[in-house]
């Protein structure tokens, strides 16, 4: 399950997954960044708690990827909190 988090002015939407246990026994969350393009989507996925980029498709720049990593690092506590609660409670 993916939960919405935020949408940026360039159309990039940020979503996050449920908490899952990976093969190493870590509690993980995938944070997914995606924006529509004329040919489909640009997509990046970053895994918490390792901050590893697991998906990078399309035309996001290196600077954008670094920005996304900072977003994930700065918001990691919130991603875990909201994943435990079943997503953000939006009106």
PDB file of N, CA and C in Angstrom:
ATOM      1  N   UNK A   1       0.845  -1.181   0.000  1.00  0.00           N
ATOM      2  CA  UNK A   1       0.000   0.000   0.000  1.00  0.00           C
ATOM      3  C   UNK A   1       0.888   1.242   0.000  1.00  0.00           C
ATOM      4  N   UNK A   2       0.554   2.211  -0.824  1.00  0.00           N
ATOM      5  CA  UNK A   2       1.261   3.488  -0.864  1.00  0.00           C
ATOM      6  C   UNK A   2       0.317   4.583  -0.387  1.00  0.00           C
ATOM      7  N   UNK A   3       0.854   5.469   0.447  1.00  0.00           N
ATOM      8  CA  UNK A   3       0.082   6.569   1.003  1.00  0.00           C
ATOM      9  C   UNK A   3       0.600   7.891   0.446  1.00  0.00           C
ATOM     10  N   UNK A   4      -0.297   8.839   0.130  1.00  0.00           N
ATOM     11  CA  UNK A   4       0.165  10.145  -0.343  1.00  0.00           C
ATOM     12  C   UNK A   4       0.803  10.936   0.789  1.00  0.00           C
ATOM     13  N   UNK A   5       1.801  11.728   0.447  1.00  0.00           N
ATOM     14  CA  UNK A   5       2.484  12.570   1.439  1.00  0.00           C
ATOM     15  C   UNK A   5       2.430  14.042   1.047  1.00  0.00           C
ATOM     16  N   UNK A   6       2.935  14.385  -0.150  1.00  0.00           N
ATOM     17  CA  UNK A   6       2.955  15.781  -0.585  1.00  0.00           C
ATOM     18  C   UNK A   6       3.041  15.818  -2.111  1.00  0.00           C
ATOM     19  N   UNK A   7       2.622  16.960  -2.676  1.00  0.00           N
ATOM     20  CA  UNK A   7       2.781  17.179  -4.114  1.00  0.00           C
ATOM     21  C   UNK A   7       3.492  18.510  -4.302  1.00  0.00           C
ATOM     22  N   UNK A   8       4.592  18.506  -5.090  1.00  0.00           N
ATOM     23  CA  UNK A   8       5.378  19.699  -5.356  1.00  0.00           C
ATOM     24  C   UNK A   8       4.852  20.435  -6.585  1.00  0.00           C
ATOM     25  N   UNK A   9       5.264  21.694  -6.744  1.00  0.00           N
ATOM     26  CA  UNK A   9       4.761  22.546  -7.831  1.00  0.00           C
ATOM     27  C   UNK A   9       5.120  22.027  -9.225  1.00  0.00           C
ATOM     28  N   UNK A  10       6.182  21.210  -9.345  1.00  0.00           N
ATOM     29  CA  UNK A  10       6.538  20.653 -10.657  1.00  0.00           C
ATOM     30  C   UNK A  10       5.736  19.405 -10.997  1.00  0.00           C
ATOM     31  N   UNK A  11       4.789  19.044 -10.121  1.00  0.00           N
ATOM     32  CA  UNK A  11       3.958  17.865 -10.344  1.00  0.00           C
ATOM     33  C   UNK A  11       4.461  16.615  -9.662  1.00  0.00           C
ATOM     34  N   UNK A  12       5.649  16.673  -9.047  1.00  0.00           N
ATOM     35  CA  UNK A  12       6.176  15.504  -8.345  1.00  0.00           C
ATOM     36  C   UNK A  12       5.294  15.188  -7.137  1.00  0.00           C
ATOM     37  N   UNK A  13       4.823  13.964  -7.083  1.00  0.00           N
ATOM     38  CA  UNK A  13       4.056  13.483  -5.931  1.00  0.00           C
ATOM     39  C   UNK A  13       4.941  12.566  -5.112  1.00  0.00           C
ATOM     40  N   UNK A  14       4.832  12.689  -3.799  1.00  0.00           N
ATOM     41  CA  UNK A  14       5.608  11.865  -2.881  1.00  0.00           C
ATOM     42  C   UNK A  14       4.633  10.935  -2.166  1.00  0.00           C
ATOM     43  N   UNK A  15       4.959   9.644  -2.180  1.00  0.00           N
ATOM     44  CA  UNK A  15       4.154   8.624  -1.522  1.00  0.00           C
ATOM     45  C   UNK A  15       5.081   7.753  -0.681  1.00  0.00           C
ATOM     46  N   UNK A  16       4.518   7.067   0.296  1.00  0.00           N
ATOM     47  CA  UNK A  16       5.318   6.170   1.122  1.00  0.00           C
ATOM     48  C   UNK A  16       4.545   4.887   1.369  1.00  0.00           C
ATOM     49  N   UNK A  17       5.286   3.827   1.619  1.00  0.00           N
ATOM     50  CA  UNK A  17       4.699   2.493   1.766  1.00  0.00           C
ATOM     51  C   UNK A  17       4.393   2.165   3.225  1.00  0.00           C
ATOM     52  N   UNK A  18       3.742   1.035   3.398  1.00  0.00           N
ATOM     53  CA  UNK A  18       3.639   0.436   4.724  1.00  0.00           C
ATOM     54  C   UNK A  18       5.037   0.055   5.196  1.00  0.00           C
ATOM     55  N   UNK A  19       5.159  -0.187   6.471  1.00  0.00           N
ATOM     56  CA  UNK A  19       6.414  -0.728   7.011  1.00  0.00           C
ATOM     57  C   UNK A  19       6.487  -2.211   6.653  1.00  0.00           C
ATOM     58  N   UNK A  20       7.643  -2.618   6.191  1.00  0.00           N
ATOM     59  CA  UNK A  20       7.858  -4.032   5.894  1.00  0.00           C
ATOM     60  C   UNK A  20       9.232  -4.443   6.408  1.00  0.00           C
ATOM     61  N   UNK A  21       9.434  -5.722   6.583  1.00  0.00           N
ATOM     62  CA  UNK A  21      10.721  -6.246   7.040  1.00  0.00           C
ATOM     63  C   UNK A  21      11.472  -6.782   5.831  1.00  0.00           C
ATOM     64  N   UNK A  22      12.699  -6.284   5.633  1.00  0.00           N
ATOM     65  CA  UNK A  22      13.486  -6.750   4.488  1.00  0.00           C
ATOM     66  C   UNK A  22      14.217  -8.041   4.834  1.00  0.00           C
ATOM     67  N   UNK A  23      15.023  -8.531   3.914  1.00  0.00           N
ATOM     68  CA  UNK A  23      15.734  -9.797   4.094  1.00  0.00           C
ATOM     69  C   UNK A  23      16.747  -9.760   5.235  1.00  0.00           C
ATOM     70  N   UNK A  24      17.164  -8.555   5.637  1.00  0.00           N
ATOM     71  CA  UNK A  24      18.119  -8.412   6.747  1.00  0.00           C
ATOM     72  C   UNK A  24      17.437  -8.188   8.086  1.00  0.00           C
ATOM     73  N   UNK A  25      16.114  -8.238   8.104  1.00  0.00           N
ATOM     74  CA  UNK A  25      15.367  -8.055   9.342  1.00  0.00           C
ATOM     75  C   UNK A  25      15.132  -6.604   9.719  1.00  0.00           C
ATOM     76  N   UNK A  26      15.431  -5.661   8.817  1.00  0.00           N
ATOM     77  CA  UNK A  26      15.207  -4.238   9.085  1.00  0.00           C
ATOM     78  C   UNK A  26      13.760  -3.857   8.789  1.00  0.00           C
ATOM     79  N   UNK A  27      13.186  -2.987   9.624  1.00  0.00           N
ATOM     80  CA  UNK A  27      11.882  -2.420   9.328  1.00  0.00           C
ATOM     81  C   UNK A  27      12.093  -1.291   8.327  1.00  0.00           C
ATOM     82  N   UNK A  28      11.514  -1.424   7.153  1.00  0.00           N
ATOM     83  CA  UNK A  28      11.775  -0.507   6.050  1.00  0.00           C
ATOM     84  C   UNK A  28      10.503   0.158   5.551  1.00  0.00           C
ATOM     85  N   UNK A  29      10.694   1.286   4.889  1.00  0.00           N
ATOM     86  CA  UNK A  29       9.637   1.993   4.183  1.00  0.00           C
ATOM     87  C   UNK A  29      10.228   2.441   2.848  1.00  0.00           C
ATOM     88  N   UNK A  30       9.445   2.339   1.786  1.00  0.00           N
ATOM     89  CA  UNK A  30       9.833   2.881   0.494  1.00  0.00           C
ATOM     90  C   UNK A  30       9.166   4.234   0.336  1.00  0.00           C
ATOM     91  N   UNK A  31       9.957   5.247  -0.005  1.00  0.00           N
ATOM     92  CA  UNK A  31       9.428   6.584  -0.292  1.00  0.00           C
ATOM     93  C   UNK A  31       9.588   6.791  -1.796  1.00  0.00           C
ATOM     94  N   UNK A  32       8.467   7.055  -2.444  1.00  0.00           N
ATOM     95  CA  UNK A  32       8.424   7.096  -3.906  1.00  0.00           C
ATOM     96  C   UNK A  32       8.128   8.514  -4.376  1.00  0.00           C
ATOM     97  N   UNK A  33       8.933   9.006  -5.320  1.00  0.00           N
ATOM     98  CA  UNK A  33       8.765  10.313  -5.939  1.00  0.00           C
ATOM     99  C   UNK A  33       8.426  10.072  -7.408  1.00  0.00           C
ATOM    100  N   UNK A  34       7.372  10.739  -7.901  1.00  0.00           N
ATOM    101  CA  UNK A  34       6.941  10.494  -9.268  1.00  0.00           C
ATOM    102  C   UNK A  34       6.304  11.755  -9.845  1.00  0.00           C
ATOM    103  N   UNK A  35       6.664  12.080 -11.101  1.00  0.00           N
ATOM    104  CA  UNK A  35       5.996  13.190 -11.782  1.00  0.00           C
ATOM    105  C   UNK A  35       5.648  12.764 -13.208  1.00  0.00           C
ATOM    106  N   UNK A  36       4.505  13.238 -13.676  1.00  0.00           N
ATOM    107  CA  UNK A  36       4.099  12.901 -15.045  1.00  0.00           C
ATOM    108  C   UNK A  36       4.938  13.651 -16.068  1.00  0.00           C
ATOM    109  N   UNK A  37       5.173  12.998 -17.180  1.00  0.00           N
ATOM    110  CA  UNK A  37       5.860  13.609 -18.316  1.00  0.00           C
ATOM    111  C   UNK A  37       5.047  13.307 -19.574  1.00  0.00           C
ATOM    112  N   UNK A  38       5.447  13.854 -20.681  1.00  0.00           N
ATOM    113  CA  UNK A  38       4.744  13.579 -21.937  1.00  0.00           C
ATOM    114  C   UNK A  38       4.928  12.124 -22.378  1.00  0.00           C
ATOM    115  N   UNK A  39       5.952  11.450 -21.829  1.00  0.00           N
ATOM    116  CA  UNK A  39       6.230  10.052 -22.199  1.00  0.00           C
ATOM    117  C   UNK A  39       5.930   9.063 -21.086  1.00  0.00           C
ATOM    118  N   UNK A  40       5.269   9.483 -20.025  1.00  0.00           N
ATOM    119  CA  UNK A  40       4.988   8.579 -18.901  1.00  0.00           C
ATOM    120  C   UNK A  40       5.272   9.259 -17.582  1.00  0.00           C
ATOM    121  N   UNK A  41       6.276   8.747 -16.862  1.00  0.00           N
ATOM    122  CA  UNK A  41       6.604   9.276 -15.544  1.00  0.00           C
ATOM    123  C   UNK A  41       8.103   9.259 -15.303  1.00  0.00           C
ATOM    124  N   UNK A  42       8.576  10.239 -14.529  1.00  0.00           N
ATOM    125  CA  UNK A  42       9.888  10.170 -13.904  1.00  0.00           C
ATOM    126  C   UNK A  42       9.648   9.587 -12.521  1.00  0.00           C
ATOM    127  N   UNK A  43      10.461   8.622 -12.094  1.00  0.00           N
ATOM    128  CA  UNK A  43      10.249   7.952 -10.815  1.00  0.00           C
ATOM    129  C   UNK A  43      11.561   7.723 -10.083  1.00  0.00           C
ATOM    130  N   UNK A  44      11.512   7.930  -8.776  1.00  0.00           N
ATOM    131  CA  UNK A  44      12.633   7.614  -7.896  1.00  0.00           C
ATOM    132  C   UNK A  44      12.055   7.003  -6.634  1.00  0.00           C
ATOM    133  N   UNK A  45      12.694   5.933  -6.153  1.00  0.00           N
ATOM    134  CA  UNK A  45      12.277   5.305  -4.897  1.00  0.00           C
ATOM    135  C   UNK A  45      13.491   5.219  -3.987  1.00  0.00           C
ATOM    136  N   UNK A  46      13.295   5.648  -2.737  1.00  0.00           N
ATOM    137  CA  UNK A  46      14.357   5.634  -1.729  1.00  0.00           C
ATOM    138  C   UNK A  46      13.888   4.781  -0.558  1.00  0.00           C
ATOM    139  N   UNK A  47      14.758   3.891  -0.120  1.00  0.00           N
ATOM    140  CA  UNK A  47      14.433   2.945   0.950  1.00  0.00           C
ATOM    141  C   UNK A  47      14.935   3.473   2.296  1.00  0.00           C
ATOM    142  N   UNK A  48      14.031   3.516   3.243  1.00  0.00           N
ATOM    143  CA  UNK A  48      14.406   3.794   4.635  1.00  0.00           C
ATOM    144  C   UNK A  48      14.630   2.472   5.339  1.00  0.00           C
ATOM    145  N   UNK A  49      15.557   2.329   6.231  1.00  0.00           N
ATOM    146  CA  UNK A  49      16.388   3.341   6.850  1.00  0.00           C
ATOM    147  C   UNK A  49      17.752   3.525   6.171  1.00  0.00           C
ATOM    148  N   UNK A  50      17.995   2.869   5.037  1.00  0.00           N
ATOM    149  CA  UNK A  50      19.329   2.904   4.425  1.00  0.00           C
ATOM    150  C   UNK A  50      19.535   4.096   3.483  1.00  0.00           C
ATOM    151  N   UNK A  51      18.459   4.749   3.056  1.00  0.00           N
ATOM    152  CA  UNK A  51      18.500   5.864   2.105  1.00  0.00           C
ATOM    153  C   UNK A  51      19.058   5.445   0.745  1.00  0.00           C
ATOM    154  N   UNK A  52      18.927   4.176   0.438  1.00  0.00           N
ATOM    155  CA  UNK A  52      19.362   3.634  -0.845  1.00  0.00           C
ATOM    156  C   UNK A  52      18.335   3.974  -1.921  1.00  0.00           C
ATOM    157  N   UNK A  53      18.806   4.449  -3.073  1.00  0.00           N
ATOM    158  CA  UNK A  53      17.927   4.665  -4.220  1.00  0.00           C
ATOM    159  C   UNK A  53      17.732   3.310  -4.892  1.00  0.00           C
ATOM    160  N   UNK A  54      16.499   2.809  -4.887  1.00  0.00           N
ATOM    161  CA  UNK A  54      16.224   1.480  -5.431  1.00  0.00           C
ATOM    162  C   UNK A  54      15.593   1.534  -6.814  1.00  0.00           C
ATOM    163  N   UNK A  55      15.016   2.682  -7.168  1.00  0.00           N
ATOM    164  CA  UNK A  55      14.443   2.889  -8.498  1.00  0.00           C
ATOM    165  C   UNK A  55      14.834   4.294  -8.945  1.00  0.00           C
ATOM    166  N   UNK A  56      15.293   4.428 -10.184  1.00  0.00           N
ATOM    167  CA  UNK A  56      15.571   5.742 -10.773  1.00  0.00           C
ATOM    168  C   UNK A  56      15.285   5.611 -12.253  1.00  0.00           C
ATOM    169  N   UNK A  57      14.120   6.089 -12.667  1.00  0.00           N
ATOM    170  CA  UNK A  57      13.703   5.995 -14.062  1.00  0.00           C
ATOM    171  C   UNK A  57      13.277   7.381 -14.540  1.00  0.00           C
ATOM    172  N   UNK A  58      13.619   7.709 -15.739  1.00  0.00           N
ATOM    173  CA  UNK A  58      13.200   8.988 -16.298  1.00  0.00           C
ATOM    174  C   UNK A  58      14.279  10.044 -16.182  1.00  0.00           C
ATOM    175  N   UNK A  59      13.855  11.292 -15.997  1.00  0.00           N
ATOM    176  CA  UNK A  59      14.756  12.426 -16.159  1.00  0.00           C
ATOM    177  C   UNK A  59      14.980  13.263 -14.918  1.00  0.00           C
ATOM    178  N   UNK A  60      14.841  12.703 -13.728  1.00  0.00           N
ATOM    179  CA  UNK A  60      15.226  13.464 -12.547  1.00  0.00           C
ATOM    180  C   UNK A  60      16.739  13.675 -12.577  1.00  0.00           C
ATOM    181  N   UNK A  61      17.165  14.883 -12.220  1.00  0.00           N
ATOM    182  CA  UNK A  61      18.595  15.209 -12.227  1.00  0.00           C
ATOM    183  C   UNK A  61      19.262  14.714 -10.945  1.00  0.00           C
ATOM    184  N   UNK A  62      20.583  14.717 -10.939  1.00  0.00           N
ATOM    185  CA  UNK A  62      21.333  14.365  -9.732  1.00  0.00           C
ATOM    186  C   UNK A  62      20.988  15.309  -8.579  1.00  0.00           C
ATOM    187  N   UNK A  63      20.828  16.610  -8.885  1.00  0.00           N
ATOM    188  CA  UNK A  63      20.462  17.580  -7.849  1.00  0.00           C
ATOM    189  C   UNK A  63      19.080  17.270  -7.261  1.00  0.00           C
ATOM    190  N   UNK A  64      18.142  16.883  -8.120  1.00  0.00           N
ATOM    191  CA  UNK A  64      16.810  16.518  -7.627  1.00  0.00           C
ATOM    192  C   UNK A  64      16.887  15.281  -6.738  1.00  0.00           C
ATOM    193  N   UNK A  65      17.697  14.297  -7.125  1.00  0.00           N
ATOM    194  CA  UNK A  65      17.861  13.084  -6.319  1.00  0.00           C
ATOM    195  C   UNK A  65      18.433  13.437  -4.953  1.00  0.00           C
ATOM    196  N   UNK A  66      19.413  14.300  -4.922  1.00  0.00           N
ATOM    197  CA  UNK A  66      19.993  14.721  -3.632  1.00  0.00           C
ATOM    198  C   UNK A  66      18.963  15.446  -2.781  1.00  0.00           C
ATOM    199  N   UNK A  67      18.130  16.277  -3.405  1.00  0.00           N
ATOM    200  CA  UNK A  67      17.052  16.945  -2.682  1.00  0.00           C
ATOM    201  C   UNK A  67      16.089  15.907  -2.098  1.00  0.00           C
ATOM    202  N   UNK A  68      15.719  14.904  -2.896  1.00  0.00           N
ATOM    203  CA  UNK A  68      14.805  13.867  -2.419  1.00  0.00           C
ATOM    204  C   UNK A  68      15.404  13.105  -1.239  1.00  0.00           C
ATOM    205  N   UNK A  69      16.703  12.807  -1.318  1.00  0.00           N
ATOM    206  CA  UNK A  69      17.359  12.117  -0.201  1.00  0.00           C
ATOM    207  C   UNK A  69      17.275  12.961   1.066  1.00  0.00           C
ATOM    208  N   UNK A  70      17.451  14.283   0.946  1.00  0.00           N
ATOM    209  CA  UNK A  70      17.340  15.167   2.112  1.00  0.00           C
ATOM    210  C   UNK A  70      15.919  15.173   2.660  1.00  0.00           C
ATOM    211  N   UNK A  71      14.937  15.192   1.772  1.00  0.00           N
ATOM    212  CA  UNK A  71      13.539  15.131   2.203  1.00  0.00           C
ATOM    213  C   UNK A  71      13.305  13.868   3.018  1.00  0.00           C
ATOM    214  N   UNK A  72      13.794  12.749   2.516  1.00  0.00           N
ATOM    215  CA  UNK A  72      13.593  11.462   3.197  1.00  0.00           C
ATOM    216  C   UNK A  72      14.316  11.470   4.546  1.00  0.00           C
ATOM    217  N   UNK A  73      15.551  11.955   4.587  1.00  0.00           N
ATOM    218  CA  UNK A  73      16.293  12.006   5.845  1.00  0.00           C
ATOM    219  C   UNK A  73      15.608  12.916   6.858  1.00  0.00           C
ATOM    220  N   UNK A  74      15.172  14.092   6.398  1.00  0.00           N
ATOM    221  CA  UNK A  74      14.556  15.047   7.317  1.00  0.00           C
ATOM    222  C   UNK A  74      13.174  14.622   7.798  1.00  0.00           C
ATOM    223  N   UNK A  75      12.519  13.760   7.045  1.00  0.00           N
ATOM    224  CA  UNK A  75      11.149  13.350   7.373  1.00  0.00           C
ATOM    225  C   UNK A  75      11.031  11.891   7.781  1.00  0.00           C
ATOM    226  N   UNK A  76      12.140  11.206   7.987  1.00  0.00           N
ATOM    227  CA  UNK A  76      12.088   9.763   8.246  1.00  0.00           C
ATOM    228  C   UNK A  76      11.207   9.421   9.446  1.00  0.00           C
ATOM    229  N   UNK A  77      11.286  10.210  10.517  1.00  0.00           N
ATOM    230  CA  UNK A  77      10.437   9.937  11.682  1.00  0.00           C
ATOM    231  C   UNK A  77       8.963  10.030  11.326  1.00  0.00           C
ATOM    232  N   UNK A  78       8.615  11.019  10.505  1.00  0.00           N
ATOM    233  CA  UNK A  78       7.215  11.174  10.096  1.00  0.00           C
ATOM    234  C   UNK A  78       6.764  10.020   9.212  1.00  0.00           C
ATOM    235  N   UNK A  79       7.633   9.573   8.307  1.00  0.00           N
ATOM    236  CA  UNK A  79       7.253   8.446   7.454  1.00  0.00           C
ATOM    237  C   UNK A  79       6.951   7.207   8.305  1.00  0.00           C
ATOM    238  N   UNK A  80       7.788   6.925   9.302  1.00  0.00           N
ATOM    239  CA  UNK A  80       7.526   5.766  10.164  1.00  0.00           C
ATOM    240  C   UNK A  80       6.252   5.969  10.988  1.00  0.00           C
ATOM    241  N   UNK A  81       6.058   7.174  11.504  1.00  0.00           N
ATOM    242  CA  UNK A  81       4.861   7.457  12.307  1.00  0.00           C
ATOM    243  C   UNK A  81       3.599   7.254  11.474  1.00  0.00           C
ATOM    244  N   UNK A  82       3.554   7.890  10.295  1.00  0.00           N
ATOM    245  CA  UNK A  82       2.355   7.807   9.474  1.00  0.00           C
ATOM    246  C   UNK A  82       2.150   6.414   8.881  1.00  0.00           C
ATOM    247  N   UNK A  83       3.219   5.702   8.592  1.00  0.00           N
ATOM    248  CA  UNK A  83       3.068   4.335   8.098  1.00  0.00           C
ATOM    249  C   UNK A  83       2.437   3.458   9.174  1.00  0.00           C
ATOM    250  N   UNK A  84       2.816   3.646  10.426  1.00  0.00           N
ATOM    251  CA  UNK A  84       2.220   2.886  11.529  1.00  0.00           C
ATOM    252  C   UNK A  84       0.741   3.218  11.701  1.00  0.00           C
ATOM    253  N   UNK A  85       0.379   4.466  11.373  1.00  0.00           N
ATOM    254  CA  UNK A  85      -1.007   4.930  11.535  1.00  0.00           C
ATOM    255  C   UNK A  85      -1.864   4.664  10.301  1.00  0.00           C
ATOM    256  N   UNK A  86      -1.293   4.072   9.269  1.00  0.00           N
ATOM    257  CA  UNK A  86      -2.057   3.795   8.051  1.00  0.00           C
ATOM    258  C   UNK A  86      -2.198   4.998   7.150  1.00  0.00           C
ATOM    259  N   UNK A  87      -1.194   5.870   7.144  1.00  0.00           N
ATOM    260  CA  UNK A  87      -1.180   7.033   6.268  1.00  0.00           C
ATOM    261  C   UNK A  87      -1.623   8.291   6.981  1.00  0.00           C
ATOM    262  N   UNK A  88      -1.533   9.388   6.265  1.00  0.00           N
ATOM    263  CA  UNK A  88      -1.970  10.678   6.788  1.00  0.00           C
ATOM    264  C   UNK A  88      -3.491  10.720   6.788  1.00  0.00           C
ATOM    265  N   UNK A  89      -4.066  11.369   7.744  1.00  0.00           N
ATOM    266  CA  UNK A  89      -5.509  11.542   7.795  1.00  0.00           C
ATOM    267  C   UNK A  89      -5.850  12.877   7.153  1.00  0.00           C
ATOM    268  N   UNK A  90      -6.157  12.847   5.860  1.00  0.00           N
ATOM    269  CA  UNK A  90      -6.435  14.055   5.103  1.00  0.00           C
ATOM    270  C   UNK A  90      -7.943  14.261   4.973  1.00  0.00           C
ATOM    271  N   UNK A  91      -8.340  15.504   4.975  1.00  0.00           N
ATOM    272  CA  UNK A  91      -9.768  15.830   4.858  1.00  0.00           C
ATOM    273  C   UNK A  91     -10.211  15.733   3.419  1.00  0.00           C
TER     274      UNK A  91
END
